[in-house]
Amino acid sequence: MQREEFSVKGKNCCAFLLTADDVSGRGEVMRAVMSGGSDPAVLQGLWEYVREEHEALLQSPYLPVCFAFLTHVLLCAPFLALDALAGVCQRVQLWRISAGSGPPPSVQQWWDCFWRVLYRYLSTVLPATALFQALRSPALPELAPTCWRLFVEVVACFLLFDTLFFLWHLVMHRVPWLYRHIHQLHHQHRIPFALAAQDASSAELLSLLLLALSSAWLVGCHPLSEAFFHLVNSWLAVEDHCGYDLPWALHRLLPCMGGAPFHQAHHIFHSGNYAPYFTHWDHLFGTYRASGQKSRPN
């Protein structure tokens, strides 16, 4: 890389002239464009602390599975409280998408679901994902990403993951053998609840986690961007299955997203609405299904 120093209004500045030979490796050109020349100092302190104090943890092949499971359980906690309040609070009952379909899931249902998900993670998802991560061997760069680069990488991950999920979900519904042996277990919940987002067969849980990891790998994410993507991805999956059309839900702010009503319609009709978050693929493929629910109070 050539370095040229020049003066602007009496101040010494540094400019970096990139040539085609300077940029090497997968994703370097994209990272050079996304950095926009901005200073990564905003996130540098955080990244240096995490990298220096927890480097062994960051490079552990077991981190993605543990992170996915723990964040899922923690993000479900508010909805466990909502389900408990729905039995006594009329306001919370009105937020339920299927308010007239019966009571919210009991604590026993939550408990049983927790143990099913934990067993599948430990028995299948953990060892298989650890092998994938060991082969992937992610590197830890010295510099943190700029805020702009983090934003672009996370958005790119969501668009790619949404596309891959849509195709895989559509195939599982259209191929009877795949539906019976992989996806049917997830549809045991006609009216889903938050924890049930991960209540699926071991093969399906593994496939979705690998889709998320592969999306971040193909985009060429910085580890901070990837961690943020997985965190938001877990939240959106929980929100999609929560059974509530909340006034502050993300799909209320972004019309391009379907949210819980969009995905609950998929569980009710057992077809359509195959994308996890955005609605554009279902509109393009003619698989969009309206929820048919009345608007909820704001």
Protein backbone atom coordinates (compact mmCIF):
# COMPACT_ATOMS: atom_id res chain seq x y z
CA MET A 1 0.00 0.00 0.00
CA GLN A 2 1.42 3.43 -0.98
CA ARG A 3 1.18 6.24 1.54
CA GLU A 4 1.18 9.89 0.51
CA GLU A 5 1.26 12.78 2.98
CA PHE A 6 -0.19 16.14 2.04
CA SER A 7 -1.35 19.31 3.77
CA VAL A 8 -4.90 20.65 3.94
CA LYS A 9 -5.36 24.11 5.51
CA GLY A 10 -2.06 23.80 7.35
CA LYS A 11 -2.80 20.39 8.86
CA ASN A 12 -0.93 17.22 8.00
CA CYS A 13 -3.19 14.48 6.72
CA CYS A 14 -2.56 10.97 5.47
CA ALA A 15 -4.07 9.53 2.33
CA PHE A 16 -4.00 5.92 1.31
CA LEU A 17 -3.92 5.12 -2.38
CA LEU A 18 -5.35 1.67 -3.04
CA THR A 19 -4.46 -0.23 -6.15
CA ALA A 20 -5.91 -3.48 -7.39
CA ASP A 21 -2.89 -5.33 -6.06
CA ASP A 22 -3.29 -3.80 -2.60
CA VAL A 23 -6.78 -5.20 -2.11
CA SER A 24 -6.68 -8.97 -1.71
CA GLY A 25 -8.83 -11.65 -0.24
CA ARG A 26 -12.57 -12.19 -0.17
CA GLY A 27 -14.56 -9.11 0.72
CA GLU A 28 -11.63 -6.61 0.83
CA VAL A 29 -12.98 -4.45 -1.99
CA MET A 30 -16.38 -4.29 -0.30
CA ARG A 31 -14.80 -3.37 3.02
CA ALA A 32 -12.72 -0.61 1.39
CA VAL A 33 -15.85 0.93 -0.12
CA MET A 34 -17.96 0.57 3.01
CA SER A 35 -15.35 2.13 5.28
CA GLY A 36 -15.78 5.42 3.46
CA GLY A 37 -12.48 6.56 4.92
CA SER A 38 -14.11 7.17 8.29
CA ASP A 39 -12.38 6.57 11.60
CA PRO A 40 -13.30 3.31 13.40
CA ALA A 41 -12.43 4.91 16.75
CA VAL A 42 -16.10 4.90 17.83
CA LEU A 43 -16.05 1.11 18.21
CA GLN A 44 -12.29 0.63 18.59
CA GLY A 45 -12.25 0.75 22.39
CA LEU A 46 -14.99 -1.86 22.64
CA TRP A 47 -13.31 -4.09 20.08
CA GLU A 48 -9.88 -3.85 21.71
CA TYR A 49 -11.35 -4.81 25.08
CA VAL A 50 -13.24 -7.78 23.67
CA ARG A 51 -10.32 -8.90 21.54
CA GLU A 52 -7.69 -8.64 24.29
CA GLU A 53 -9.74 -9.99 27.19
CA HIS A 54 -11.84 -12.64 25.43
CA GLU A 55 -9.83 -13.73 22.38
CA ALA A 56 -10.03 -17.41 23.29
CA LEU A 57 -13.80 -17.16 23.69
CA LEU A 58 -14.21 -15.36 20.37
CA GLN A 59 -12.31 -18.11 18.57
CA SER A 60 -14.10 -20.96 20.32
CA PRO A 61 -16.01 -23.19 17.88
CA TYR A 62 -18.75 -23.50 20.50
CA LEU A 63 -19.45 -19.76 20.71
CA PRO A 64 -22.08 -19.47 17.93
CA VAL A 65 -24.28 -22.25 19.37
CA CYS A 66 -24.02 -21.01 22.96
CA PHE A 67 -24.68 -17.45 21.84
CA ALA A 68 -27.70 -18.52 19.76
CA PHE A 69 -29.29 -20.55 22.53
CA LEU A 70 -28.64 -18.13 25.42
CA THR A 71 -29.76 -15.04 23.52
CA HIS A 72 -32.87 -16.86 22.37
CA VAL A 73 -33.84 -17.81 25.93
CA LEU A 74 -33.07 -14.36 27.34
CA LEU A 75 -34.98 -12.55 24.59
CA CYS A 76 -37.98 -14.79 25.22
CA ALA A 77 -38.21 -13.71 28.88
CA PRO A 78 -40.30 -10.55 28.24
CA PHE A 79 -42.84 -12.59 26.29
CA LEU A 80 -43.08 -15.14 29.09
CA ALA A 81 -44.08 -12.20 31.29
CA LEU A 82 -46.61 -11.05 28.67
CA ASP A 83 -48.14 -14.51 28.49
CA ALA A 84 -48.49 -14.49 32.28
CA LEU A 85 -50.09 -11.02 32.20
CA ALA A 86 -52.44 -11.95 29.35
CA GLY A 87 -54.45 -14.07 31.76
CA VAL A 88 -55.26 -11.09 33.98
CA CYS A 89 -54.74 -7.94 31.88
CA GLN A 90 -57.29 -7.02 29.23
CA ARG A 91 -54.87 -4.70 27.46
CA VAL A 92 -52.32 -7.46 26.93
CA GLN A 93 -55.08 -9.79 25.71
CA LEU A 94 -55.98 -7.26 23.01
CA TRP A 95 -52.42 -7.31 21.74
CA ARG A 96 -52.62 -11.05 21.13
CA ILE A 97 -53.03 -11.78 17.42
CA SER A 98 -55.40 -14.68 18.09
CA ALA A 99 -57.14 -13.16 21.09
CA GLY A 100 -60.22 -15.34 20.71
CA SER A 101 -58.43 -18.64 20.10
CA GLY A 102 -57.89 -19.56 23.72
CA PRO A 103 -55.55 -18.74 26.59
CA PRO A 104 -51.84 -18.02 26.08
CA PRO A 105 -49.38 -20.90 26.54
CA SER A 106 -48.96 -22.10 30.10
CA VAL A 107 -45.72 -22.14 32.07
CA GLN A 108 -45.67 -25.93 31.63
CA GLN A 109 -45.73 -25.51 27.85
CA TRP A 110 -42.82 -23.09 28.08
CA TRP A 111 -40.91 -25.50 30.33
CA ASP A 112 -41.45 -28.50 28.06
CA CYS A 113 -40.43 -26.46 25.02
CA PHE A 114 -37.25 -25.27 26.76
CA TRP A 115 -36.06 -28.82 27.44
CA ARG A 116 -36.85 -29.99 23.90
CA VAL A 117 -34.83 -27.14 22.39
CA LEU A 118 -31.94 -27.61 24.82
CA TYR A 119 -31.74 -31.34 24.07
CA ARG A 120 -31.59 -30.76 20.30
CA TYR A 121 -28.92 -28.12 20.67
CA LEU A 122 -26.72 -30.34 22.81
CA SER A 123 -27.25 -33.54 20.84
CA THR A 124 -26.95 -32.26 17.27
CA VAL A 125 -26.54 -28.53 16.71
CA LEU A 126 -23.55 -28.04 19.03
CA PRO A 127 -21.19 -30.69 17.60
CA ALA A 128 -22.11 -30.02 13.96
CA THR A 129 -21.74 -26.26 14.24
CA ALA A 130 -18.47 -26.61 16.14
CA LEU A 131 -17.08 -28.60 13.22
CA PHE A 132 -18.24 -25.91 10.77
CA GLN A 133 -16.60 -23.17 12.85
CA ALA A 134 -13.37 -25.14 13.16
CA LEU A 135 -13.17 -25.42 9.37
CA ARG A 136 -14.11 -21.77 8.95
CA SER A 137 -11.42 -20.48 11.39
CA PRO A 138 -12.55 -16.84 11.57
CA ALA A 139 -9.74 -14.29 11.97
CA LEU A 140 -9.75 -11.43 14.48
CA PRO A 141 -8.72 -8.15 12.80
CA GLU A 142 -6.98 -5.46 14.79
CA LEU A 143 -9.28 -2.62 13.77
CA ALA A 144 -12.94 -2.31 14.63
CA PRO A 145 -15.42 -1.60 11.84
CA THR A 146 -16.71 1.89 11.24
CA CYS A 147 -20.34 2.46 12.19
CA TRP A 148 -21.23 2.74 8.51
CA ARG A 149 -19.50 -0.53 7.65
CA LEU A 150 -21.23 -2.29 10.57
CA PHE A 151 -24.60 -1.00 9.36
CA VAL A 152 -24.05 -2.05 5.74
CA GLU A 153 -22.76 -5.50 6.67
CA VAL A 154 -25.69 -6.19 9.01
CA VAL A 155 -28.24 -5.09 6.40
CA ALA A 156 -26.49 -7.19 3.74
CA CYS A 157 -26.55 -10.20 6.05
CA PHE A 158 -30.27 -9.83 6.67
CA LEU A 159 -31.08 -9.50 2.96
CA LEU A 160 -28.98 -12.57 2.13
CA PHE A 161 -30.27 -14.63 5.06
CA ASP A 162 -33.86 -13.68 4.24
CA THR A 163 -33.34 -14.89 0.66
CA LEU A 164 -31.70 -18.20 1.65
CA PHE A 165 -34.32 -18.83 4.35
CA PHE A 166 -37.16 -18.14 1.91
CA LEU A 167 -35.80 -20.63 -0.64
CA TRP A 168 -35.11 -23.34 1.97
CA HIS A 169 -38.47 -22.83 3.68
CA LEU A 170 -40.32 -22.98 0.35
CA VAL A 171 -38.52 -26.20 -0.60
CA MET A 172 -39.34 -27.80 2.75
CA HIS A 173 -43.02 -27.11 2.18
CA ARG A 174 -43.05 -28.18 -1.47
CA VAL A 175 -41.12 -31.47 -1.03
CA PRO A 176 -43.28 -33.83 1.07
CA TRP A 177 -40.37 -35.87 2.40
CA LEU A 178 -38.57 -32.75 3.67
CA TYR A 179 -41.75 -31.45 5.27
CA ARG A 180 -42.50 -34.71 7.08
CA HIS A 181 -38.98 -35.40 8.31
CA ILE A 182 -37.59 -31.90 8.91
CA HIS A 183 -40.18 -29.13 9.07
CA GLN A 184 -43.44 -30.65 10.27
CA LEU A 185 -42.35 -30.67 13.91
CA HIS A 186 -42.16 -26.87 13.92
CA HIS A 187 -45.80 -26.70 12.79
CA GLN A 188 -47.05 -28.49 15.88
CA HIS A 189 -47.74 -24.96 17.15
CA ARG A 190 -50.68 -23.59 15.18
CA ILE A 191 -50.58 -20.58 17.47
CA PRO A 192 -46.87 -20.12 18.18
CA PHE A 193 -45.24 -18.47 21.18
CA ALA A 194 -41.82 -16.88 21.57
CA LEU A 195 -39.80 -19.88 22.74
CA ALA A 196 -41.34 -22.04 20.00
CA ALA A 197 -39.27 -20.15 17.42
CA GLN A 198 -36.58 -22.77 18.09
CA ASP A 199 -38.94 -25.68 18.69
CA ALA A 200 -38.06 -27.54 15.52
CA SER A 201 -36.29 -30.70 14.48
CA SER A 202 -32.55 -30.97 15.04
CA ALA A 203 -31.99 -30.92 11.28
CA GLU A 204 -33.98 -27.72 10.86
CA LEU A 205 -32.29 -25.98 13.79
CA LEU A 206 -28.90 -26.91 12.39
CA SER A 207 -29.77 -25.83 8.86
CA LEU A 208 -31.01 -22.39 9.97
CA LEU A 209 -27.98 -21.72 12.14
CA LEU A 210 -25.69 -22.71 9.27
CA LEU A 211 -27.63 -20.39 6.95
CA ALA A 212 -27.03 -17.51 9.37
CA LEU A 213 -23.32 -18.32 9.76
CA SER A 214 -22.91 -18.75 6.01
CA SER A 215 -24.61 -15.41 5.32
CA ALA A 216 -22.13 -13.60 7.56
CA TRP A 217 -19.24 -15.52 5.97
CA LEU A 218 -20.33 -14.72 2.39
CA VAL A 219 -20.77 -11.02 3.18
CA GLY A 220 -17.31 -10.99 4.76
CA CYS A 221 -18.47 -9.50 8.06
CA HIS A 222 -16.27 -8.10 10.75
CA PRO A 223 -16.80 -10.17 13.94
CA LEU A 224 -18.58 -7.23 15.61
CA SER A 225 -20.96 -6.93 12.66
CA GLU A 226 -21.58 -10.66 12.73
CA ALA A 227 -22.33 -10.64 16.48
CA PHE A 228 -24.78 -7.77 16.03
CA PHE A 229 -26.44 -9.57 13.12
CA HIS A 230 -26.93 -12.76 15.17
CA LEU A 231 -28.31 -10.78 18.10
CA VAL A 232 -30.89 -8.91 16.01
CA ASN A 233 -31.66 -12.09 14.09
CA SER A 234 -32.51 -13.87 17.35
CA TRP A 235 -34.74 -10.99 18.44
CA LEU A 236 -36.66 -10.92 15.15
CA ALA A 237 -37.17 -14.70 15.24
CA VAL A 238 -38.58 -14.43 18.77
CA GLU A 239 -40.79 -11.48 17.84
CA ASP A 240 -42.10 -13.31 14.75
CA HIS A 241 -43.32 -16.20 16.92
CA CYS A 242 -44.41 -14.25 20.00
CA GLY A 243 -48.12 -14.21 19.14
CA TYR A 244 -48.47 -10.48 19.85
CA ASP A 245 -48.96 -7.55 17.48
CA LEU A 246 -47.26 -5.04 19.74
CA PRO A 247 -47.53 -1.27 19.14
CA TRP A 248 -43.72 -0.92 19.18
CA ALA A 249 -42.95 -3.94 16.99
CA LEU A 250 -40.47 -3.36 14.19
CA HIS A 251 -42.94 -4.16 11.41
CA ARG A 252 -45.00 -1.17 12.57
CA LEU A 253 -42.04 1.09 11.74
CA LEU A 254 -40.82 -0.70 8.59
CA PRO A 255 -43.64 -1.67 6.19
CA CYS A 256 -41.23 -3.92 4.27
CA MET A 257 -41.26 -6.33 7.23
CA GLY A 258 -44.07 -8.74 8.03
CA GLY A 259 -43.61 -9.26 11.75
CA ALA A 260 -45.62 -11.57 13.99
CA PRO A 261 -48.96 -11.26 12.09
CA PHE A 262 -47.19 -12.21 8.83
CA HIS A 263 -45.56 -15.31 10.29
CA GLN A 264 -48.53 -16.38 12.38
CA ALA A 265 -50.59 -16.47 9.19
CA HIS A 266 -48.05 -19.00 7.89
CA HIS A 267 -48.61 -21.20 10.94
CA ILE A 268 -52.39 -20.93 10.62
CA PHE A 269 -52.59 -21.61 6.87
CA HIS A 270 -49.53 -23.93 6.69
CA SER A 271 -48.58 -22.22 3.43
CA GLY A 272 -47.44 -18.84 2.15
CA ASN A 273 -45.34 -16.21 3.89
CA TYR A 274 -42.18 -18.28 3.60
CA ALA A 275 -39.70 -15.45 4.16
CA PRO A 276 -38.72 -14.91 7.79
CA TYR A 277 -38.71 -11.13 7.98
CA PHE A 278 -39.22 -9.20 4.74
CA THR A 279 -42.24 -9.60 2.48
CA HIS A 280 -40.81 -8.82 -0.97
CA TRP A 281 -39.98 -12.44 -1.92
CA ASP A 282 -43.48 -13.66 -1.07
CA HIS A 283 -44.99 -10.82 -3.10
CA LEU A 284 -42.73 -11.63 -6.08
CA PHE A 285 -43.42 -15.39 -5.95
CA GLY A 286 -47.16 -14.99 -5.29
CA THR A 287 -46.95 -16.71 -1.90
CA TYR A 288 -47.96 -13.75 0.23
CA ARG A 289 -50.86 -14.44 2.60
CA ALA A 290 -52.55 -11.63 4.48
CA SER A 291 -53.03 -12.26 8.17
CA GLY A 292 -56.71 -11.38 8.02
CA GLN A 293 -56.49 -9.89 11.48
CA LYS A 294 -58.02 -6.63 12.53
CA SER A 295 -55.66 -3.84 13.46
CA ARG A 296 -54.54 -3.79 17.06
CA PRO A 297 -54.81 -0.84 19.41
CA ASN A 298 -51.84 1.53 19.50
